[in-house]
N, C-alpha and C. Protein backbone atom coordinates (compact mmCIF):
# COMPACT_ATOMS: atom_id res chain seq x y z
N UNK A 1 16.53 79.44 -39.36
CA UNK A 1 16.41 78.51 -38.23
C UNK A 1 17.63 78.61 -37.33
N UNK A 2 17.41 78.54 -36.06
CA UNK A 2 18.53 78.59 -35.14
C UNK A 2 18.68 77.26 -34.43
N UNK A 3 19.91 76.90 -34.13
CA UNK A 3 20.15 75.66 -33.40
C UNK A 3 20.01 75.96 -31.91
N UNK A 4 19.75 74.93 -31.09
CA UNK A 4 19.62 75.15 -29.65
C UNK A 4 20.96 75.57 -29.05
N UNK A 5 20.93 75.83 -27.76
CA UNK A 5 22.13 76.27 -27.05
C UNK A 5 23.32 75.37 -27.38
N UNK A 6 23.07 74.06 -27.38
CA UNK A 6 24.14 73.14 -27.79
C UNK A 6 23.53 71.81 -28.20
N UNK A 7 24.25 71.10 -29.04
CA UNK A 7 23.87 69.75 -29.45
C UNK A 7 24.90 68.81 -28.86
N UNK A 8 24.42 67.75 -28.24
CA UNK A 8 25.29 66.79 -27.57
C UNK A 8 25.11 65.42 -28.20
N UNK A 9 26.23 64.77 -28.50
CA UNK A 9 26.21 63.39 -28.98
C UNK A 9 26.51 62.48 -27.80
N UNK A 10 25.54 61.64 -27.45
CA UNK A 10 25.69 60.76 -26.28
C UNK A 10 26.43 59.48 -26.68
N UNK A 11 27.67 59.67 -27.12
CA UNK A 11 28.47 58.53 -27.58
C UNK A 11 29.94 58.92 -27.60
N UNK A 12 30.79 57.97 -27.26
CA UNK A 12 32.22 58.18 -27.36
C UNK A 12 32.78 57.66 -28.68
N UNK A 13 31.90 57.21 -29.57
CA UNK A 13 32.34 56.64 -30.85
C UNK A 13 32.90 57.71 -31.77
N UNK A 14 34.16 57.58 -32.17
CA UNK A 14 34.71 58.55 -33.12
C UNK A 14 34.01 58.51 -34.47
N UNK A 15 33.46 57.35 -34.82
CA UNK A 15 32.74 57.23 -36.10
C UNK A 15 31.47 58.07 -36.07
N UNK A 16 30.71 57.98 -34.98
CA UNK A 16 29.47 58.78 -34.89
C UNK A 16 29.80 60.28 -34.85
N UNK A 17 30.85 60.62 -34.14
CA UNK A 17 31.30 62.02 -34.08
C UNK A 17 31.61 62.54 -35.49
N UNK A 18 32.36 61.77 -36.26
CA UNK A 18 32.74 62.18 -37.61
C UNK A 18 31.52 62.27 -38.53
N UNK A 19 30.59 61.33 -38.37
CA UNK A 19 29.39 61.34 -39.22
C UNK A 19 28.53 62.57 -38.93
N UNK A 20 28.40 62.93 -37.66
CA UNK A 20 27.60 64.11 -37.31
C UNK A 20 28.27 65.37 -37.84
N UNK A 21 29.60 65.41 -37.79
CA UNK A 21 30.32 66.54 -38.37
C UNK A 21 30.11 66.59 -39.89
N UNK A 22 29.97 65.43 -40.51
CA UNK A 22 29.73 65.36 -41.95
C UNK A 22 28.43 66.09 -42.32
N UNK A 23 27.46 66.06 -41.41
CA UNK A 23 26.20 66.79 -41.64
C UNK A 23 26.37 68.30 -41.40
N UNK A 24 27.52 68.70 -40.87
CA UNK A 24 27.74 70.10 -40.57
C UNK A 24 27.23 70.51 -39.19
N UNK A 25 26.99 69.52 -38.34
CA UNK A 25 26.43 69.78 -37.01
C UNK A 25 27.56 69.88 -35.98
N UNK A 26 27.79 71.07 -35.48
CA UNK A 26 28.75 71.27 -34.39
C UNK A 26 28.14 70.72 -33.11
N UNK A 27 28.91 69.96 -32.36
CA UNK A 27 28.34 69.30 -31.18
C UNK A 27 29.43 69.00 -30.15
N UNK A 28 28.96 68.70 -28.96
CA UNK A 28 29.83 68.22 -27.90
C UNK A 28 29.63 66.72 -27.76
N UNK A 29 30.66 66.04 -27.33
CA UNK A 29 30.60 64.59 -27.14
C UNK A 29 30.50 64.29 -25.65
N UNK A 30 29.50 63.48 -25.30
CA UNK A 30 29.31 63.10 -23.91
C UNK A 30 29.01 61.60 -23.83
N UNK A 31 30.04 60.76 -23.71
CA UNK A 31 29.80 59.32 -23.61
C UNK A 31 29.00 59.00 -22.34
N UNK A 32 28.07 58.07 -22.47
CA UNK A 32 27.28 57.64 -21.31
C UNK A 32 27.37 56.13 -21.17
N UNK A 33 27.14 55.67 -19.96
CA UNK A 33 27.24 54.24 -19.67
C UNK A 33 25.84 53.66 -19.54
N UNK A 34 25.40 52.96 -20.59
CA UNK A 34 24.09 52.31 -20.60
C UNK A 34 24.32 50.83 -20.87
N UNK A 35 23.71 49.97 -20.07
CA UNK A 35 23.88 48.53 -20.27
C UNK A 35 23.18 48.11 -21.56
N UNK A 36 23.96 47.60 -22.50
CA UNK A 36 23.42 47.27 -23.82
C UNK A 36 22.94 45.82 -23.85
N UNK A 37 21.81 45.59 -23.20
CA UNK A 37 21.23 44.25 -23.11
C UNK A 37 19.77 44.34 -23.49
N UNK A 38 19.32 43.41 -24.33
CA UNK A 38 17.92 43.37 -24.72
C UNK A 38 17.09 42.64 -23.66
N UNK A 39 15.87 43.09 -23.47
CA UNK A 39 14.95 42.42 -22.58
C UNK A 39 14.30 41.26 -23.32
N UNK A 40 13.92 40.22 -22.58
CA UNK A 40 13.40 39.00 -23.20
C UNK A 40 12.14 39.25 -24.04
N UNK A 41 11.38 40.27 -23.68
CA UNK A 41 10.12 40.54 -24.38
C UNK A 41 10.29 41.44 -25.60
N UNK A 42 11.51 41.95 -25.83
CA UNK A 42 11.73 42.92 -26.89
C UNK A 42 12.13 42.27 -28.21
N UNK A 43 11.66 42.87 -29.29
CA UNK A 43 12.19 42.54 -30.61
C UNK A 43 13.50 43.30 -30.77
N UNK A 44 14.28 42.94 -31.79
CA UNK A 44 15.54 43.66 -32.03
C UNK A 44 15.28 45.13 -32.32
N UNK A 45 14.23 45.42 -33.10
CA UNK A 45 13.88 46.81 -33.40
C UNK A 45 13.56 47.59 -32.14
N UNK A 46 12.77 46.99 -31.27
CA UNK A 46 12.39 47.65 -30.02
C UNK A 46 13.62 47.86 -29.13
N UNK A 47 14.48 46.87 -29.08
CA UNK A 47 15.66 46.95 -28.22
C UNK A 47 16.62 48.04 -28.69
N UNK A 48 16.93 48.07 -29.97
CA UNK A 48 17.90 49.04 -30.47
C UNK A 48 17.37 50.47 -30.31
N UNK A 49 16.06 50.62 -30.47
CA UNK A 49 15.45 51.95 -30.32
C UNK A 49 15.44 52.37 -28.84
N UNK A 50 15.13 51.42 -27.95
CA UNK A 50 15.14 51.73 -26.51
C UNK A 50 16.54 52.13 -26.05
N UNK A 51 17.56 51.41 -26.51
CA UNK A 51 18.92 51.72 -26.09
C UNK A 51 19.37 53.09 -26.59
N UNK A 52 18.99 53.43 -27.82
CA UNK A 52 19.34 54.76 -28.34
C UNK A 52 18.67 55.85 -27.50
N UNK A 53 17.40 55.62 -27.13
CA UNK A 53 16.68 56.58 -26.30
C UNK A 53 17.28 56.67 -24.90
N UNK A 54 17.64 55.52 -24.33
CA UNK A 54 18.24 55.52 -22.99
C UNK A 54 19.55 56.31 -22.97
N UNK A 55 20.36 56.15 -24.01
CA UNK A 55 21.61 56.90 -24.08
C UNK A 55 21.34 58.40 -24.15
N UNK A 56 20.37 58.79 -25.01
CA UNK A 56 20.05 60.20 -25.15
C UNK A 56 19.45 60.75 -23.85
N UNK A 57 18.56 59.99 -23.22
CA UNK A 57 17.95 60.45 -21.96
C UNK A 57 18.99 60.60 -20.85
N UNK A 58 19.92 59.66 -20.79
CA UNK A 58 20.95 59.69 -19.75
C UNK A 58 21.81 60.95 -19.89
N UNK A 59 22.20 61.25 -21.13
CA UNK A 59 23.01 62.45 -21.36
C UNK A 59 22.18 63.72 -21.13
N UNK A 60 20.89 63.66 -21.45
CA UNK A 60 20.03 64.83 -21.27
C UNK A 60 19.90 65.20 -19.79
N UNK A 61 19.92 64.20 -18.92
CA UNK A 61 19.88 64.48 -17.48
C UNK A 61 21.09 65.31 -17.04
N UNK A 62 22.21 65.09 -17.74
CA UNK A 62 23.44 65.83 -17.43
C UNK A 62 23.50 67.18 -18.15
N UNK A 63 22.83 67.27 -19.30
CA UNK A 63 22.84 68.49 -20.11
C UNK A 63 21.39 68.85 -20.49
N UNK A 64 20.59 69.28 -19.50
CA UNK A 64 19.16 69.49 -19.75
C UNK A 64 18.82 70.68 -20.65
N UNK A 65 19.79 71.51 -20.97
CA UNK A 65 19.54 72.64 -21.89
C UNK A 65 19.95 72.31 -23.32
N UNK A 66 20.42 71.09 -23.53
CA UNK A 66 20.91 70.70 -24.85
C UNK A 66 19.89 69.85 -25.60
N UNK A 67 20.13 69.70 -26.88
CA UNK A 67 19.44 68.70 -27.69
C UNK A 67 20.42 67.53 -27.79
N UNK A 68 20.00 66.36 -27.33
CA UNK A 68 20.91 65.22 -27.24
C UNK A 68 20.57 64.17 -28.29
N UNK A 69 21.62 63.65 -28.93
CA UNK A 69 21.47 62.60 -29.94
C UNK A 69 22.08 61.31 -29.38
N UNK A 70 21.28 60.25 -29.38
CA UNK A 70 21.75 58.93 -28.98
C UNK A 70 21.60 57.96 -30.13
N UNK A 71 22.43 56.93 -30.15
CA UNK A 71 22.35 55.95 -31.23
C UNK A 71 22.81 54.59 -30.74
N UNK A 72 22.28 53.54 -31.36
CA UNK A 72 22.71 52.19 -31.03
C UNK A 72 22.63 51.34 -32.29
N UNK A 73 23.56 50.39 -32.41
CA UNK A 73 23.65 49.55 -33.60
C UNK A 73 23.67 48.08 -33.20
N UNK A 74 22.95 47.26 -33.97
CA UNK A 74 22.94 45.82 -33.75
C UNK A 74 23.14 45.09 -35.07
N UNK A 75 23.91 44.03 -35.01
CA UNK A 75 24.09 43.13 -36.14
C UNK A 75 23.28 41.87 -35.85
N UNK A 76 22.48 41.45 -36.83
CA UNK A 76 21.59 40.31 -36.62
C UNK A 76 21.74 39.32 -37.77
N UNK A 77 21.90 38.06 -37.43
CA UNK A 77 21.95 37.00 -38.44
C UNK A 77 21.12 35.81 -37.96
N UNK A 78 20.20 35.40 -38.81
CA UNK A 78 19.28 34.31 -38.47
C UNK A 78 18.57 34.54 -37.13
N UNK A 79 18.18 35.79 -36.89
CA UNK A 79 17.46 36.12 -35.67
C UNK A 79 18.33 36.28 -34.44
N UNK A 80 19.63 36.03 -34.56
CA UNK A 80 20.53 36.14 -33.42
C UNK A 80 21.26 37.49 -33.46
N UNK A 81 21.27 38.17 -32.31
CA UNK A 81 21.94 39.46 -32.21
C UNK A 81 23.42 39.24 -31.90
N UNK A 82 24.27 39.84 -32.72
CA UNK A 82 25.71 39.79 -32.49
C UNK A 82 26.14 41.14 -31.93
N UNK A 83 26.47 41.19 -30.66
CA UNK A 83 26.92 42.43 -30.03
C UNK A 83 28.40 42.63 -30.22
N UNK A 84 29.01 43.35 -29.30
CA UNK A 84 30.46 43.53 -29.34
C UNK A 84 31.10 42.25 -28.80
N UNK A 85 32.19 41.81 -29.41
CA UNK A 85 32.81 40.55 -28.97
C UNK A 85 33.35 40.62 -27.55
N UNK A 86 33.13 39.56 -26.78
CA UNK A 86 33.62 39.51 -25.40
C UNK A 86 35.12 39.29 -25.36
N UNK A 87 35.61 38.52 -26.32
CA UNK A 87 37.04 38.18 -26.36
C UNK A 87 37.39 37.68 -27.76
N UNK A 88 38.61 37.22 -27.94
CA UNK A 88 39.08 36.78 -29.25
C UNK A 88 38.24 35.64 -29.80
N UNK A 89 37.97 34.64 -28.98
CA UNK A 89 37.20 33.48 -29.44
C UNK A 89 35.81 33.90 -29.91
N UNK A 90 35.18 34.81 -29.16
CA UNK A 90 33.85 35.29 -29.52
C UNK A 90 33.90 36.07 -30.83
N UNK A 91 34.91 36.92 -30.99
CA UNK A 91 35.06 37.70 -32.21
C UNK A 91 35.29 36.83 -33.43
N UNK A 92 36.15 35.83 -33.30
CA UNK A 92 36.41 34.93 -34.41
C UNK A 92 35.16 34.15 -34.79
N UNK A 93 34.40 33.74 -33.79
CA UNK A 93 33.17 32.99 -34.04
C UNK A 93 32.15 33.86 -34.79
N UNK A 94 32.05 35.13 -34.40
CA UNK A 94 31.13 36.03 -35.10
C UNK A 94 31.51 36.18 -36.57
N UNK A 95 32.79 36.39 -36.82
CA UNK A 95 33.24 36.57 -38.20
C UNK A 95 33.04 35.31 -39.02
N UNK A 96 33.25 34.15 -38.41
CA UNK A 96 32.96 32.89 -39.10
C UNK A 96 31.48 32.79 -39.45
N UNK A 97 30.64 33.24 -38.53
CA UNK A 97 29.20 33.20 -38.73
C UNK A 97 28.77 34.11 -39.89
N UNK A 98 29.42 35.26 -40.03
CA UNK A 98 29.08 36.23 -41.08
C UNK A 98 29.64 35.85 -42.45
N UNK A 99 30.71 35.05 -42.45
CA UNK A 99 31.40 34.69 -43.68
C UNK A 99 30.48 34.04 -44.70
N UNK A 100 30.44 34.62 -45.91
CA UNK A 100 29.68 34.05 -47.01
C UNK A 100 28.18 34.18 -46.88
N UNK A 101 27.71 35.02 -45.95
CA UNK A 101 26.27 35.11 -45.70
C UNK A 101 25.81 36.56 -45.60
N UNK A 102 24.50 36.72 -45.69
CA UNK A 102 23.90 38.04 -45.53
C UNK A 102 23.41 38.21 -44.10
N UNK A 103 23.58 39.42 -43.57
CA UNK A 103 23.07 39.74 -42.24
C UNK A 103 22.42 41.11 -42.27
N UNK A 104 21.70 41.42 -41.20
CA UNK A 104 21.06 42.72 -41.08
C UNK A 104 21.79 43.59 -40.06
N UNK A 105 21.77 44.87 -40.32
CA UNK A 105 22.30 45.84 -39.36
C UNK A 105 21.19 46.84 -39.05
N UNK A 106 20.81 46.91 -37.79
CA UNK A 106 19.81 47.87 -37.34
C UNK A 106 20.52 48.97 -36.58
N UNK A 107 20.25 50.21 -36.95
CA UNK A 107 20.79 51.34 -36.20
C UNK A 107 19.67 52.30 -35.87
N UNK A 108 19.51 52.56 -34.58
CA UNK A 108 18.50 53.51 -34.13
C UNK A 108 19.17 54.83 -33.79
N UNK A 109 18.45 55.91 -34.04
CA UNK A 109 18.90 57.24 -33.62
C UNK A 109 17.76 57.88 -32.86
N UNK A 110 18.08 58.54 -31.76
CA UNK A 110 17.08 59.19 -30.93
C UNK A 110 17.52 60.60 -30.59
N UNK A 111 16.57 61.53 -30.61
CA UNK A 111 16.84 62.91 -30.21
C UNK A 111 15.96 63.24 -29.02
N UNK A 112 16.58 63.79 -27.99
CA UNK A 112 15.86 64.18 -26.78
C UNK A 112 16.16 65.64 -26.48
N UNK A 113 15.09 66.44 -26.40
CA UNK A 113 15.19 67.84 -26.04
C UNK A 113 14.16 68.14 -24.96
N UNK A 114 14.06 69.38 -24.57
CA UNK A 114 13.14 69.74 -23.49
C UNK A 114 11.71 69.34 -23.85
N UNK A 115 11.20 68.34 -23.13
CA UNK A 115 9.81 67.93 -23.30
C UNK A 115 9.50 67.19 -24.58
N UNK A 116 10.52 66.73 -25.29
CA UNK A 116 10.25 66.07 -26.57
C UNK A 116 11.28 64.99 -26.85
N UNK A 117 10.79 63.87 -27.40
CA UNK A 117 11.67 62.77 -27.81
C UNK A 117 11.23 62.25 -29.17
N UNK A 118 12.18 62.01 -30.04
CA UNK A 118 11.91 61.42 -31.35
C UNK A 118 12.95 60.35 -31.62
N UNK A 119 12.55 59.31 -32.33
CA UNK A 119 13.51 58.26 -32.67
C UNK A 119 13.09 57.54 -33.93
N UNK A 120 14.03 56.84 -34.51
CA UNK A 120 13.77 56.05 -35.70
C UNK A 120 14.81 54.96 -35.84
N UNK A 121 14.50 53.96 -36.66
CA UNK A 121 15.41 52.83 -36.87
C UNK A 121 15.70 52.68 -38.36
N UNK A 122 16.95 52.49 -38.69
CA UNK A 122 17.38 52.24 -40.08
C UNK A 122 17.83 50.78 -40.18
N UNK A 123 17.39 50.10 -41.23
CA UNK A 123 17.71 48.68 -41.42
C UNK A 123 18.47 48.50 -42.73
N UNK A 124 19.61 47.84 -42.65
CA UNK A 124 20.42 47.56 -43.84
C UNK A 124 20.71 46.08 -43.95
N UNK A 125 20.98 45.62 -45.17
CA UNK A 125 21.39 44.24 -45.40
C UNK A 125 22.81 44.25 -45.95
N UNK A 126 23.66 43.45 -45.35
CA UNK A 126 25.08 43.39 -45.73
C UNK A 126 25.45 41.93 -46.01
N UNK A 127 26.15 41.71 -47.12
CA UNK A 127 26.62 40.35 -47.43
C UNK A 127 28.13 40.32 -47.44
N UNK A 128 28.69 39.39 -46.67
CA UNK A 128 30.14 39.15 -46.66
C UNK A 128 30.48 38.12 -47.74
N UNK A 129 31.63 38.27 -48.35
CA UNK A 129 32.15 37.19 -49.19
C UNK A 129 32.65 36.07 -48.28
N UNK A 130 32.95 34.94 -48.86
CA UNK A 130 33.48 33.83 -48.08
C UNK A 130 34.89 34.18 -47.58
N UNK A 131 35.11 34.03 -46.29
CA UNK A 131 36.41 34.35 -45.70
C UNK A 131 37.14 33.07 -45.28
N UNK A 132 38.43 33.04 -45.48
CA UNK A 132 39.21 31.93 -44.96
C UNK A 132 39.45 32.17 -43.48
N UNK A 133 39.75 31.10 -42.75
CA UNK A 133 40.01 31.26 -41.32
C UNK A 133 41.25 32.12 -41.08
N UNK A 134 42.22 32.00 -41.99
CA UNK A 134 43.44 32.81 -41.87
C UNK A 134 43.10 34.29 -42.00
N UNK A 135 42.18 34.63 -42.91
CA UNK A 135 41.76 36.03 -43.06
C UNK A 135 41.06 36.52 -41.80
N UNK A 136 40.21 35.68 -41.25
CA UNK A 136 39.47 36.04 -40.04
C UNK A 136 40.44 36.32 -38.89
N UNK A 137 41.41 35.44 -38.73
CA UNK A 137 42.41 35.63 -37.67
C UNK A 137 43.23 36.91 -37.90
N UNK A 138 43.64 37.11 -39.16
CA UNK A 138 44.45 38.29 -39.48
C UNK A 138 43.66 39.57 -39.24
N UNK A 139 42.38 39.55 -39.57
CA UNK A 139 41.55 40.74 -39.34
C UNK A 139 41.40 41.01 -37.85
N UNK A 140 41.16 39.96 -37.07
CA UNK A 140 41.04 40.15 -35.62
C UNK A 140 42.31 40.78 -35.05
N UNK A 141 43.47 40.34 -35.53
CA UNK A 141 44.75 40.82 -35.01
C UNK A 141 45.00 42.29 -35.33
N UNK A 142 44.25 42.88 -36.28
CA UNK A 142 44.41 44.31 -36.55
C UNK A 142 43.88 45.15 -35.38
N UNK A 143 43.05 44.56 -34.54
CA UNK A 143 42.45 45.28 -33.42
C UNK A 143 41.16 45.99 -33.77
N UNK A 144 40.88 46.09 -35.06
CA UNK A 144 39.70 46.84 -35.50
C UNK A 144 38.37 46.27 -34.99
N UNK A 145 38.19 44.96 -34.95
CA UNK A 145 36.88 44.42 -34.58
C UNK A 145 36.59 44.36 -33.08
N UNK A 146 37.56 44.67 -32.25
CA UNK A 146 37.46 44.39 -30.82
C UNK A 146 36.28 45.04 -30.12
N UNK A 147 35.87 46.25 -30.55
CA UNK A 147 34.78 46.94 -29.86
C UNK A 147 33.63 47.28 -30.81
N UNK A 148 33.46 46.46 -31.84
CA UNK A 148 32.43 46.72 -32.85
C UNK A 148 31.33 45.67 -32.81
N UNK A 149 30.08 46.11 -32.96
CA UNK A 149 28.97 45.18 -33.07
C UNK A 149 29.20 44.27 -34.27
N UNK A 150 29.04 42.96 -34.06
CA UNK A 150 29.28 42.01 -35.14
C UNK A 150 30.74 41.75 -35.42
N UNK A 151 31.62 42.41 -34.66
CA UNK A 151 33.07 42.21 -34.76
C UNK A 151 33.67 42.71 -36.07
N UNK A 152 33.07 43.79 -36.64
CA UNK A 152 33.69 44.36 -37.85
C UNK A 152 33.31 45.83 -37.99
N UNK A 153 34.15 46.54 -38.75
CA UNK A 153 33.91 47.95 -39.06
C UNK A 153 33.87 48.12 -40.56
N UNK A 154 32.70 48.46 -41.10
CA UNK A 154 32.54 48.54 -42.55
C UNK A 154 33.40 49.65 -43.16
N UNK A 155 33.69 50.70 -42.36
CA UNK A 155 34.47 51.82 -42.88
C UNK A 155 35.97 51.56 -42.78
N UNK A 156 36.36 50.43 -42.22
CA UNK A 156 37.77 50.11 -42.06
C UNK A 156 38.21 48.99 -42.98
N UNK A 157 39.07 48.14 -42.46
CA UNK A 157 39.62 47.07 -43.28
C UNK A 157 38.59 46.03 -43.69
N UNK A 158 37.50 45.95 -42.94
CA UNK A 158 36.45 44.98 -43.29
C UNK A 158 35.74 45.35 -44.58
N UNK A 159 35.96 46.56 -45.10
CA UNK A 159 35.33 46.96 -46.37
C UNK A 159 35.66 45.97 -47.48
N UNK A 160 36.84 45.34 -47.40
CA UNK A 160 37.23 44.39 -48.45
C UNK A 160 36.43 43.09 -48.39
N UNK A 161 35.68 42.88 -47.30
CA UNK A 161 34.87 41.67 -47.17
C UNK A 161 33.44 41.86 -47.67
N UNK A 162 33.04 43.11 -47.90
CA UNK A 162 31.64 43.41 -48.20
C UNK A 162 31.34 43.18 -49.68
N UNK A 163 30.57 42.13 -49.93
CA UNK A 163 30.18 41.80 -51.31
C UNK A 163 29.05 42.71 -51.78
N UNK A 164 28.11 43.02 -50.88
CA UNK A 164 27.01 43.91 -51.24
C UNK A 164 26.44 44.56 -50.00
N UNK A 165 25.82 45.72 -50.23
CA UNK A 165 25.18 46.47 -49.15
C UNK A 165 23.88 47.05 -49.69
N UNK A 166 22.79 46.76 -49.00
CA UNK A 166 21.50 47.33 -49.35
C UNK A 166 21.01 48.12 -48.15
N UNK A 167 20.99 49.44 -48.28
CA UNK A 167 20.58 50.26 -47.15
C UNK A 167 21.47 51.47 -47.00
N UNK A 168 21.92 51.72 -45.78
CA UNK A 168 22.66 52.94 -45.45
C UNK A 168 24.07 52.63 -44.98
N UNK A 169 25.06 53.12 -45.72
CA UNK A 169 26.45 52.93 -45.31
C UNK A 169 26.70 53.60 -43.96
N UNK A 170 26.19 54.83 -43.80
CA UNK A 170 26.40 55.53 -42.53
C UNK A 170 25.65 54.83 -41.39
N UNK A 171 24.51 54.21 -41.71
CA UNK A 171 23.78 53.45 -40.69
C UNK A 171 24.58 52.27 -40.20
N UNK A 172 25.23 51.56 -41.11
CA UNK A 172 26.06 50.42 -40.73
C UNK A 172 27.27 50.90 -39.93
N UNK A 173 27.76 52.10 -40.24
CA UNK A 173 28.86 52.67 -39.47
C UNK A 173 28.45 53.03 -38.05
N UNK A 174 27.16 53.36 -37.86
CA UNK A 174 26.71 53.66 -36.50
C UNK A 174 25.82 54.88 -36.32
N UNK A 175 25.61 55.68 -37.39
CA UNK A 175 24.71 56.82 -37.29
C UNK A 175 24.10 57.09 -38.67
N UNK A 176 22.85 56.68 -38.88
CA UNK A 176 22.23 56.87 -40.21
C UNK A 176 21.95 58.34 -40.47
N UNK A 177 22.65 58.91 -41.44
CA UNK A 177 22.60 60.36 -41.63
C UNK A 177 21.26 60.84 -42.18
N UNK A 178 20.63 60.06 -43.03
CA UNK A 178 19.32 60.47 -43.55
C UNK A 178 18.34 60.62 -42.40
N UNK A 179 18.22 59.58 -41.57
CA UNK A 179 17.29 59.61 -40.45
C UNK A 179 17.65 60.68 -39.43
N UNK A 180 18.95 60.86 -39.19
CA UNK A 180 19.39 61.88 -38.24
C UNK A 180 19.00 63.27 -38.72
N UNK A 181 19.22 63.54 -40.00
CA UNK A 181 18.86 64.85 -40.56
C UNK A 181 17.35 65.08 -40.50
N UNK A 182 16.57 64.03 -40.77
CA UNK A 182 15.12 64.15 -40.72
C UNK A 182 14.66 64.50 -39.31
N UNK A 183 15.22 63.84 -38.31
CA UNK A 183 14.84 64.11 -36.92
C UNK A 183 15.27 65.51 -36.49
N UNK A 184 16.46 65.93 -36.94
CA UNK A 184 16.91 67.30 -36.62
C UNK A 184 15.93 68.33 -37.18
N UNK A 185 15.43 68.08 -38.40
CA UNK A 185 14.46 69.00 -39.00
C UNK A 185 13.18 69.06 -38.17
N UNK A 186 12.80 67.91 -37.59
CA UNK A 186 11.61 67.89 -36.73
C UNK A 186 11.80 68.80 -35.51
N UNK A 187 13.05 68.98 -35.11
CA UNK A 187 13.37 69.88 -34.00
C UNK A 187 13.65 71.30 -34.49
N UNK A 188 13.41 71.54 -35.78
CA UNK A 188 13.60 72.88 -36.33
C UNK A 188 15.01 73.21 -36.74
N UNK A 189 15.84 72.18 -36.90
CA UNK A 189 17.24 72.39 -37.28
C UNK A 189 17.48 71.82 -38.67
N UNK A 190 17.80 72.67 -39.61
CA UNK A 190 18.13 72.23 -40.96
C UNK A 190 19.65 72.16 -41.07
N UNK A 191 20.22 70.96 -41.20
CA UNK A 191 21.69 70.85 -41.25
C UNK A 191 22.35 71.72 -42.32
N UNK A 192 21.69 71.91 -43.45
CA UNK A 192 22.28 72.74 -44.49
C UNK A 192 22.35 74.19 -44.07
N UNK A 193 21.31 74.68 -43.40
CA UNK A 193 21.31 76.07 -42.93
C UNK A 193 22.30 76.27 -41.78
N UNK A 194 22.38 75.27 -40.89
CA UNK A 194 23.32 75.37 -39.77
C UNK A 194 24.75 75.41 -40.28
N UNK A 195 25.08 74.52 -41.25
CA UNK A 195 26.45 74.43 -41.75
C UNK A 195 26.84 75.64 -42.59
N UNK A 196 25.82 76.34 -43.13
CA UNK A 196 26.12 77.53 -43.95
C UNK A 196 26.00 78.84 -43.17
N UNK A 197 25.66 78.70 -41.88
CA UNK A 197 25.45 79.91 -41.06
C UNK A 197 26.76 80.63 -40.81
């Protein structure tokens, strides 16, 4: 199997970049600006999948000879979507909300190539241990939660807060590797063969 002329990741996230490299997929990074807002008629699943597709489509317009990968992640608790924190107060409130409770993380991945689009959604359940307010403040001050959905990074210092995880660790990080590999195979790209080429 041969890979296309190039594979493009429509994201500036270093975590997604590293995860794609973990699959052995050589790629270029092309961050795109897509407004990450859900429409009133959309479910969370529909919204996260649409945003992943919009990111991939936007990058594909700039790189029409490439296979483009887009992804989007949402943290949901009691039906409420927790996006990236607007400021310190918002971030602290999110972490207080997650403390001692279980929440869902939805991550969509979308692949867009010439005349073809595929996408899928990965759903995980994450439970935080009970956090003291001092811990929440100290975590915010590390700077790690400032640009993360739900105001935390599971692969960083927030790992010490995770009591349990049911689902995909890479999905919670921002790019579900199982689903990504499956979609790549649909496009005729086997990550194992590409990485061993």
